[in-house]
Amino acid sequence: MKKKNIILAFVLVIATVLSACSNYQFKPTTSFEISDFTMTDHRNEEVTLDSLKGEPWLAMFIFTSCTTICSPMTQNMKLVQDEIEKKGLEQYKIVAFSVDPDYDTPERLTEYLSRHNPLNESKWHMLTGYDQKFIEQLAINSFKTPVRASVTDNQVIHADTFFLVDEKGVAVKNYSGTGQGTDGVQYETIASDIEALINERLK
């Protein structure tokens, strides 16, 4: 009798855990409408805001000659993608806006991304094909994040933020793209938020 009770209790615990996972609730923390844009990715293909709509996407701002946070950010985004792929999700994209578009050609962006060897490269769009003023304005107006070229060297000042954009083109949440411990990158949370947006769209 006791054995049956133990088994029943175990089954109830498992059912509770699975129910909690399936009922994960996404909570938006921002509502920034992204302005229209037309850009070129690392495959020399045109990417527009409209072409990204229809599924959620993660965005970040980087540049290939960055000597500080860009490479760690890109590596962390790769690890976020690993978590997304573990969930078997397919309807998402990862977008990296170059903040040094004059230098970052599609070829340089391709080489940069290859160094990080993402699990599913087809989901990535490394974007260029605009001028410095445009990306600075897009960053502050659409993502509420500063981008500013340095006056002393070839570096560009920008935040280490990851942005989650929903299927309508609205930035609904942001996360740290670097750091460690409790202030570090929330790989599983980001993947779960992507999953929740996909499930909501499919309802």
C-alpha atoms as a PDB file:
ATOM      1  CA  MET A   1       0.000   0.000   0.000  1.00  0.00           C
ATOM      2  CA  LYS A   2       2.803   2.333   0.945  1.00  0.00           C
ATOM      3  CA  LYS A   3       4.587   1.552  -2.318  1.00  0.00           C
ATOM      4  CA  LYS A   4       1.484   2.516  -4.295  1.00  0.00           C
ATOM      5  CA  ASN A   5       1.243   5.788  -2.390  1.00  0.00           C
ATOM      6  CA  ILE A   6       4.885   6.577  -3.136  1.00  0.00           C
ATOM      7  CA  ILE A   7       4.374   5.873  -6.850  1.00  0.00           C
ATOM      8  CA  LEU A   8       1.220   8.023  -6.906  1.00  0.00           C
ATOM      9  CA  ALA A   9       3.014  10.881  -5.165  1.00  0.00           C
ATOM     10  CA  PHE A  10       5.882  10.634  -7.683  1.00  0.00           C
ATOM     11  CA  VAL A  11       3.465  10.723 -10.613  1.00  0.00           C
ATOM     12  CA  LEU A  12       1.732  13.792  -9.173  1.00  0.00           C
ATOM     13  CA  VAL A  13       5.051  15.591  -8.741  1.00  0.00           C
ATOM     14  CA  ILE A  14       6.066  14.861 -12.343  1.00  0.00           C
ATOM     15  CA  ALA A  15       2.664  15.978 -13.615  1.00  0.00           C
ATOM     16  CA  THR A  16       2.946  19.218 -11.644  1.00  0.00           C
ATOM     17  CA  VAL A  17       6.400  19.926 -13.054  1.00  0.00           C
ATOM     18  CA  LEU A  18       5.311  19.231 -16.622  1.00  0.00           C
ATOM     19  CA  SER A  19       2.230  21.394 -16.177  1.00  0.00           C
ATOM     20  CA  ALA A  20       4.347  24.261 -14.884  1.00  0.00           C
ATOM     21  CA  CYS A  21       6.661  23.977 -17.883  1.00  0.00           C
ATOM     22  CA  SER A  22       3.825  23.892 -20.397  1.00  0.00           C
ATOM     23  CA  ASN A  23       2.146  26.908 -18.747  1.00  0.00           C
ATOM     24  CA  TYR A  24       5.228  29.146 -18.835  1.00  0.00           C
ATOM     25  CA  GLN A  25       3.976  32.700 -19.077  1.00  0.00           C
ATOM     26  CA  PHE A  26       5.916  35.264 -21.079  1.00  0.00           C
ATOM     27  CA  LYS A  27       5.836  38.730 -19.533  1.00  0.00           C
ATOM     28  CA  PRO A  28       6.836  41.623 -21.823  1.00  0.00           C
ATOM     29  CA  THR A  29       8.821  44.388 -20.161  1.00  0.00           C
ATOM     30  CA  THR A  30       9.133  46.822 -23.094  1.00  0.00           C
ATOM     31  CA  SER A  31       7.032  47.914 -26.065  1.00  0.00           C
ATOM     32  CA  PHE A  32       9.316  49.515 -28.647  1.00  0.00           C
ATOM     33  CA  GLU A  33       8.021  49.495 -32.215  1.00  0.00           C
ATOM     34  CA  ILE A  34      10.894  48.910 -34.641  1.00  0.00           C
ATOM     35  CA  SER A  35      11.170  51.351 -37.556  1.00  0.00           C
ATOM     36  CA  ASP A  36      11.200  50.069 -41.125  1.00  0.00           C
ATOM     37  CA  PHE A  37      14.593  49.235 -42.581  1.00  0.00           C
ATOM     38  CA  THR A  38      16.178  47.619 -45.617  1.00  0.00           C
ATOM     39  CA  MET A  39      19.633  46.095 -45.114  1.00  0.00           C
ATOM     40  CA  THR A  40      22.032  43.490 -46.496  1.00  0.00           C
ATOM     41  CA  ASP A  41      23.061  40.419 -44.542  1.00  0.00           C
ATOM     42  CA  HIS A  42      26.293  38.420 -44.587  1.00  0.00           C
ATOM     43  CA  ARG A  43      24.937  36.317 -47.474  1.00  0.00           C
ATOM     44  CA  ASN A  44      24.454  39.469 -49.563  1.00  0.00           C
ATOM     45  CA  GLU A  45      20.689  38.992 -49.267  1.00  0.00           C
ATOM     46  CA  GLU A  46      18.211  41.801 -48.628  1.00  0.00           C
ATOM     47  CA  VAL A  47      16.652  41.815 -45.166  1.00  0.00           C
ATOM     48  CA  THR A  48      13.788  44.127 -44.230  1.00  0.00           C
ATOM     49  CA  LEU A  49      11.649  44.550 -41.155  1.00  0.00           C
ATOM     50  CA  ASP A  50       8.746  43.034 -43.092  1.00  0.00           C
ATOM     51  CA  SER A  51      10.815  39.966 -44.011  1.00  0.00           C
ATOM     52  CA  LEU A  52      11.517  39.357 -40.315  1.00  0.00           C
ATOM     53  CA  LYS A  53       7.897  39.688 -39.255  1.00  0.00           C
ATOM     54  CA  GLY A  54       5.819  36.586 -38.674  1.00  0.00           C
ATOM     55  CA  GLU A  55       8.116  35.032 -36.083  1.00  0.00           C
ATOM     56  CA  PRO A  56      10.098  36.284 -33.072  1.00  0.00           C
ATOM     57  CA  TRP A  57      13.738  37.301 -33.388  1.00  0.00           C
ATOM     58  CA  LEU A  58      16.648  38.178 -31.149  1.00  0.00           C
ATOM     59  CA  ALA A  59      18.680  41.288 -31.905  1.00  0.00           C
ATOM     60  CA  MET A  60      22.043  42.666 -30.809  1.00  0.00           C
ATOM     61  CA  PHE A  61      24.484  45.379 -31.887  1.00  0.00           C
ATOM     62  CA  ILE A  62      28.079  44.336 -32.662  1.00  0.00           C
ATOM     63  CA  PHE A  63      30.999  45.051 -35.022  1.00  0.00           C
ATOM     64  CA  THR A  64      33.760  42.810 -36.295  1.00  0.00           C
ATOM     65  CA  SER A  65      36.775  44.895 -35.216  1.00  0.00           C
ATOM     66  CA  CYS A  66      35.455  45.227 -31.663  1.00  0.00           C
ATOM     67  CA  THR A  67      38.125  44.617 -29.025  1.00  0.00           C
ATOM     68  CA  THR A  68      35.835  44.304 -25.998  1.00  0.00           C
ATOM     69  CA  ILE A  69      32.298  42.917 -25.637  1.00  0.00           C
ATOM     70  CA  CYS A  70      31.249  41.909 -29.160  1.00  0.00           C
ATOM     71  CA  SER A  71      32.897  38.507 -29.329  1.00  0.00           C
ATOM     72  CA  PRO A  72      31.626  37.446 -25.867  1.00  0.00           C
ATOM     73  CA  MET A  73      28.158  38.671 -26.827  1.00  0.00           C
ATOM     74  CA  THR A  74      28.190  36.677 -30.057  1.00  0.00           C
ATOM     75  CA  GLN A  75      29.404  33.571 -28.240  1.00  0.00           C
ATOM     76  CA  ASN A  76      26.641  33.996 -25.660  1.00  0.00           C
ATOM     77  CA  MET A  77      24.053  34.405 -28.424  1.00  0.00           C
ATOM     78  CA  LYS A  78      25.356  31.150 -29.879  1.00  0.00           C
ATOM     79  CA  LEU A  79      24.731  29.493 -26.481  1.00  0.00           C
ATOM     80  CA  VAL A  80      21.234  30.981 -26.401  1.00  0.00           C
ATOM     81  CA  GLN A  81      20.632  29.417 -29.794  1.00  0.00           C
ATOM     82  CA  ASP A  82      21.846  26.071 -28.446  1.00  0.00           C
ATOM     83  CA  GLU A  83      19.061  26.246 -25.840  1.00  0.00           C
ATOM     84  CA  ILE A  84      16.504  27.237 -28.478  1.00  0.00           C
ATOM     85  CA  GLU A  85      17.523  24.335 -30.711  1.00  0.00           C
ATOM     86  CA  LYS A  86      17.334  21.911 -27.761  1.00  0.00           C
ATOM     87  CA  LYS A  87      13.654  22.799 -27.533  1.00  0.00           C
ATOM     88  CA  GLY A  88      13.193  21.851 -31.189  1.00  0.00           C
ATOM     89  CA  LEU A  89      12.088  25.358 -32.139  1.00  0.00           C
ATOM     90  CA  GLU A  90      12.339  26.446 -35.760  1.00  0.00           C
ATOM     91  CA  GLN A  91      10.345  29.668 -36.110  1.00  0.00           C
ATOM     92  CA  TYR A  92      12.852  32.264 -34.932  1.00  0.00           C
ATOM     93  CA  LYS A  93      15.775  34.341 -36.194  1.00  0.00           C
ATOM     94  CA  ILE A  94      18.893  35.987 -34.775  1.00  0.00           C
ATOM     95  CA  VAL A  95      19.776  39.462 -36.059  1.00  0.00           C
ATOM     96  CA  ALA A  96      23.068  41.280 -35.481  1.00  0.00           C
ATOM     97  CA  PHE A  97      23.221  44.933 -36.550  1.00  0.00           C
ATOM     98  CA  SER A  98      26.729  46.112 -37.354  1.00  0.00           C
ATOM     99  CA  VAL A  99      27.505  49.431 -35.687  1.00  0.00           C
ATOM    100  CA  ASP A 100      30.484  49.904 -38.020  1.00  0.00           C
ATOM    101  CA  PRO A 101      28.817  49.402 -41.415  1.00  0.00           C
ATOM    102  CA  ASP A 102      31.521  51.147 -43.464  1.00  0.00           C
ATOM    103  CA  TYR A 103      34.058  48.512 -42.398  1.00  0.00           C
ATOM    104  CA  ASP A 104      31.766  45.505 -41.921  1.00  0.00           C
ATOM    105  CA  THR A 105      31.205  44.128 -45.393  1.00  0.00           C
ATOM    106  CA  PRO A 106      29.157  40.944 -45.851  1.00  0.00           C
ATOM    107  CA  GLU A 107      32.447  39.075 -46.314  1.00  0.00           C
ATOM    108  CA  ARG A 108      33.862  40.340 -43.013  1.00  0.00           C
ATOM    109  CA  LEU A 109      30.618  39.528 -41.232  1.00  0.00           C
ATOM    110  CA  THR A 110      30.651  36.012 -42.690  1.00  0.00           C
ATOM    111  CA  GLU A 111      34.196  35.443 -41.473  1.00  0.00           C
ATOM    112  CA  TYR A 112      33.344  36.860 -38.052  1.00  0.00           C
ATOM    113  CA  LEU A 113      30.316  34.595 -37.626  1.00  0.00           C
ATOM    114  CA  SER A 114      32.238  31.529 -38.807  1.00  0.00           C
ATOM    115  CA  ARG A 115      34.683  32.003 -35.922  1.00  0.00           C
ATOM    116  CA  HIS A 116      31.810  31.455 -33.505  1.00  0.00           C
ATOM    117  CA  ASN A 117      30.491  28.418 -35.398  1.00  0.00           C
ATOM    118  CA  PRO A 118      26.771  28.677 -34.518  1.00  0.00           C
ATOM    119  CA  LEU A 119      24.762  25.477 -34.336  1.00  0.00           C
ATOM    120  CA  ASN A 120      22.294  26.629 -37.012  1.00  0.00           C
ATOM    121  CA  GLU A 121      23.847  29.368 -39.154  1.00  0.00           C
ATOM    122  CA  SER A 122      20.752  29.638 -41.360  1.00  0.00           C
ATOM    123  CA  LYS A 123      18.892  31.436 -38.562  1.00  0.00           C
ATOM    124  CA  TRP A 124      21.431  34.273 -38.392  1.00  0.00           C
ATOM    125  CA  HIS A 125      21.378  37.606 -40.239  1.00  0.00           C
ATOM    126  CA  MET A 126      24.523  39.709 -39.786  1.00  0.00           C
ATOM    127  CA  LEU A 127      23.395  43.077 -41.127  1.00  0.00           C
ATOM    128  CA  THR A 128      25.157  45.952 -42.887  1.00  0.00           C
ATOM    129  CA  GLY A 129      24.491  48.148 -45.947  1.00  0.00           C
ATOM    130  CA  TYR A 130      23.609  51.471 -44.288  1.00  0.00           C
ATOM    131  CA  ASP A 131      25.577  54.431 -42.936  1.00  0.00           C
ATOM    132  CA  GLN A 132      26.749  55.201 -39.406  1.00  0.00           C
ATOM    133  CA  LYS A 133      24.140  57.880 -38.777  1.00  0.00           C
ATOM    134  CA  PHE A 134      21.335  55.515 -39.765  1.00  0.00           C
ATOM    135  CA  ILE A 135      22.327  52.773 -37.307  1.00  0.00           C
ATOM    136  CA  GLU A 136      22.812  55.278 -34.501  1.00  0.00           C
ATOM    137  CA  GLN A 137      19.302  56.615 -35.085  1.00  0.00           C
ATOM    138  CA  LEU A 138      17.759  53.141 -35.446  1.00  0.00           C
ATOM    139  CA  ALA A 139      19.379  52.030 -32.205  1.00  0.00           C
ATOM    140  CA  ILE A 140      18.168  54.945 -30.106  1.00  0.00           C
ATOM    141  CA  ASN A 141      14.753  55.438 -31.735  1.00  0.00           C
ATOM    142  CA  SER A 142      13.699  51.786 -32.064  1.00  0.00           C
ATOM    143  CA  PHE A 143      15.636  49.934 -29.352  1.00  0.00           C
ATOM    144  CA  LYS A 144      16.235  52.839 -26.919  1.00  0.00           C
ATOM    145  CA  THR A 145      19.921  51.957 -26.779  1.00  0.00           C
ATOM    146  CA  PRO A 146      22.854  54.280 -27.577  1.00  0.00           C
ATOM    147  CA  VAL A 147      25.359  53.689 -30.380  1.00  0.00           C
ATOM    148  CA  ARG A 148      28.169  56.191 -30.807  1.00  0.00           C
ATOM    149  CA  ALA A 149      31.412  56.098 -32.777  1.00  0.00           C
ATOM    150  CA  SER A 150      34.521  56.920 -30.761  1.00  0.00           C
ATOM    151  CA  VAL A 151      36.361  60.120 -31.624  1.00  0.00           C
ATOM    152  CA  THR A 152      39.732  58.695 -30.552  1.00  0.00           C
ATOM    153  CA  ASP A 153      39.942  55.285 -32.252  1.00  0.00           C
ATOM    154  CA  ASN A 154      38.065  52.859 -34.512  1.00  0.00           C
ATOM    155  CA  GLN A 155      35.872  51.498 -31.750  1.00  0.00           C
ATOM    156  CA  VAL A 156      32.129  52.070 -31.404  1.00  0.00           C
ATOM    157  CA  ILE A 157      30.346  52.512 -28.094  1.00  0.00           C
ATOM    158  CA  HIS A 158      27.249  50.356 -27.648  1.00  0.00           C
ATOM    159  CA  ALA A 159      25.442  48.320 -24.998  1.00  0.00           C
ATOM    160  CA  ASP A 160      25.808  44.600 -24.327  1.00  0.00           C
ATOM    161  CA  THR A 161      22.047  44.047 -24.593  1.00  0.00           C
ATOM    162  CA  PHE A 162      20.082  41.278 -26.293  1.00  0.00           C
ATOM    163  CA  PHE A 163      16.616  42.347 -27.503  1.00  0.00           C
ATOM    164  CA  LEU A 164      13.622  40.087 -28.059  1.00  0.00           C
ATOM    165  CA  VAL A 165      11.371  41.271 -30.893  1.00  0.00           C
ATOM    166  CA  ASP A 166       7.957  39.691 -31.391  1.00  0.00           C
ATOM    167  CA  GLU A 167       6.364  38.586 -34.648  1.00  0.00           C
ATOM    168  CA  LYS A 168       4.834  42.048 -35.169  1.00  0.00           C
ATOM    169  CA  GLY A 169       8.166  43.860 -35.010  1.00  0.00           C
ATOM    170  CA  VAL A 170       7.902  45.156 -31.435  1.00  0.00           C
ATOM    171  CA  ALA A 171      10.817  44.849 -28.991  1.00  0.00           C
ATOM    172  CA  VAL A 172       9.148  43.300 -25.961  1.00  0.00           C
ATOM    173  CA  LYS A 173      12.039  42.382 -23.662  1.00  0.00           C
ATOM    174  CA  ASN A 174      15.779  42.779 -23.235  1.00  0.00           C
ATOM    175  CA  TYR A 175      18.522  40.858 -21.444  1.00  0.00           C
ATOM    176  CA  SER A 176      22.176  41.132 -20.539  1.00  0.00           C
ATOM    177  CA  GLY A 177      24.422  39.791 -23.293  1.00  0.00           C
ATOM    178  CA  THR A 178      27.455  39.391 -21.028  1.00  0.00           C
ATOM    179  CA  GLY A 179      28.241  38.958 -17.348  1.00  0.00           C
ATOM    180  CA  GLN A 180      28.400  36.082 -14.922  1.00  0.00           C
ATOM    181  CA  GLY A 181      26.371  34.554 -12.103  1.00  0.00           C
ATOM    182  CA  THR A 182      22.926  36.008 -11.384  1.00  0.00           C
ATOM    183  CA  ASP A 183      23.770  39.023 -13.528  1.00  0.00           C
ATOM    184  CA  GLY A 184      24.899  36.884 -16.442  1.00  0.00           C
ATOM    185  CA  VAL A 185      23.194  35.712 -19.604  1.00  0.00           C
ATOM    186  CA  GLN A 186      19.868  33.978 -18.970  1.00  0.00           C
ATOM    187  CA  TYR A 187      20.192  31.343 -21.678  1.00  0.00           C
ATOM    188  CA  GLU A 188      17.245  29.187 -20.619  1.00  0.00           C
ATOM    189  CA  THR A 189      14.970  32.157 -19.873  1.00  0.00           C
ATOM    190  CA  ILE A 190      15.566  33.661 -23.304  1.00  0.00           C
ATOM    191  CA  ALA A 191      14.875  30.317 -24.980  1.00  0.00           C
ATOM    192  CA  SER A 192      11.691  29.883 -22.934  1.00  0.00           C
ATOM    193  CA  ASP A 193      10.541  33.386 -23.867  1.00  0.00           C
ATOM    194  CA  ILE A 194      11.091  32.595 -27.559  1.00  0.00           C
ATOM    195  CA  GLU A 195       9.126  29.363 -27.120  1.00  0.00           C
ATOM    196  CA  ALA A 196       6.278  31.195 -25.386  1.00  0.00           C
ATOM    197  CA  LEU A 197       6.014  33.757 -28.194  1.00  0.00           C
ATOM    198  CA  ILE A 198       5.991  31.016 -30.826  1.00  0.00           C
ATOM    199  CA  ASN A 199       3.294  29.069 -28.957  1.00  0.00           C
ATOM    200  CA  GLU A 200       1.212  32.217 -28.515  1.00  0.00           C
ATOM    201  CA  ARG A 201       1.404  32.953 -32.240  1.00  0.00           C
ATOM    202  CA  LEU A 202       0.309  29.414 -33.109  1.00  0.00           C
ATOM    203  CA  LYS A 203      -2.797  29.500 -30.913  1.00  0.00           C
END
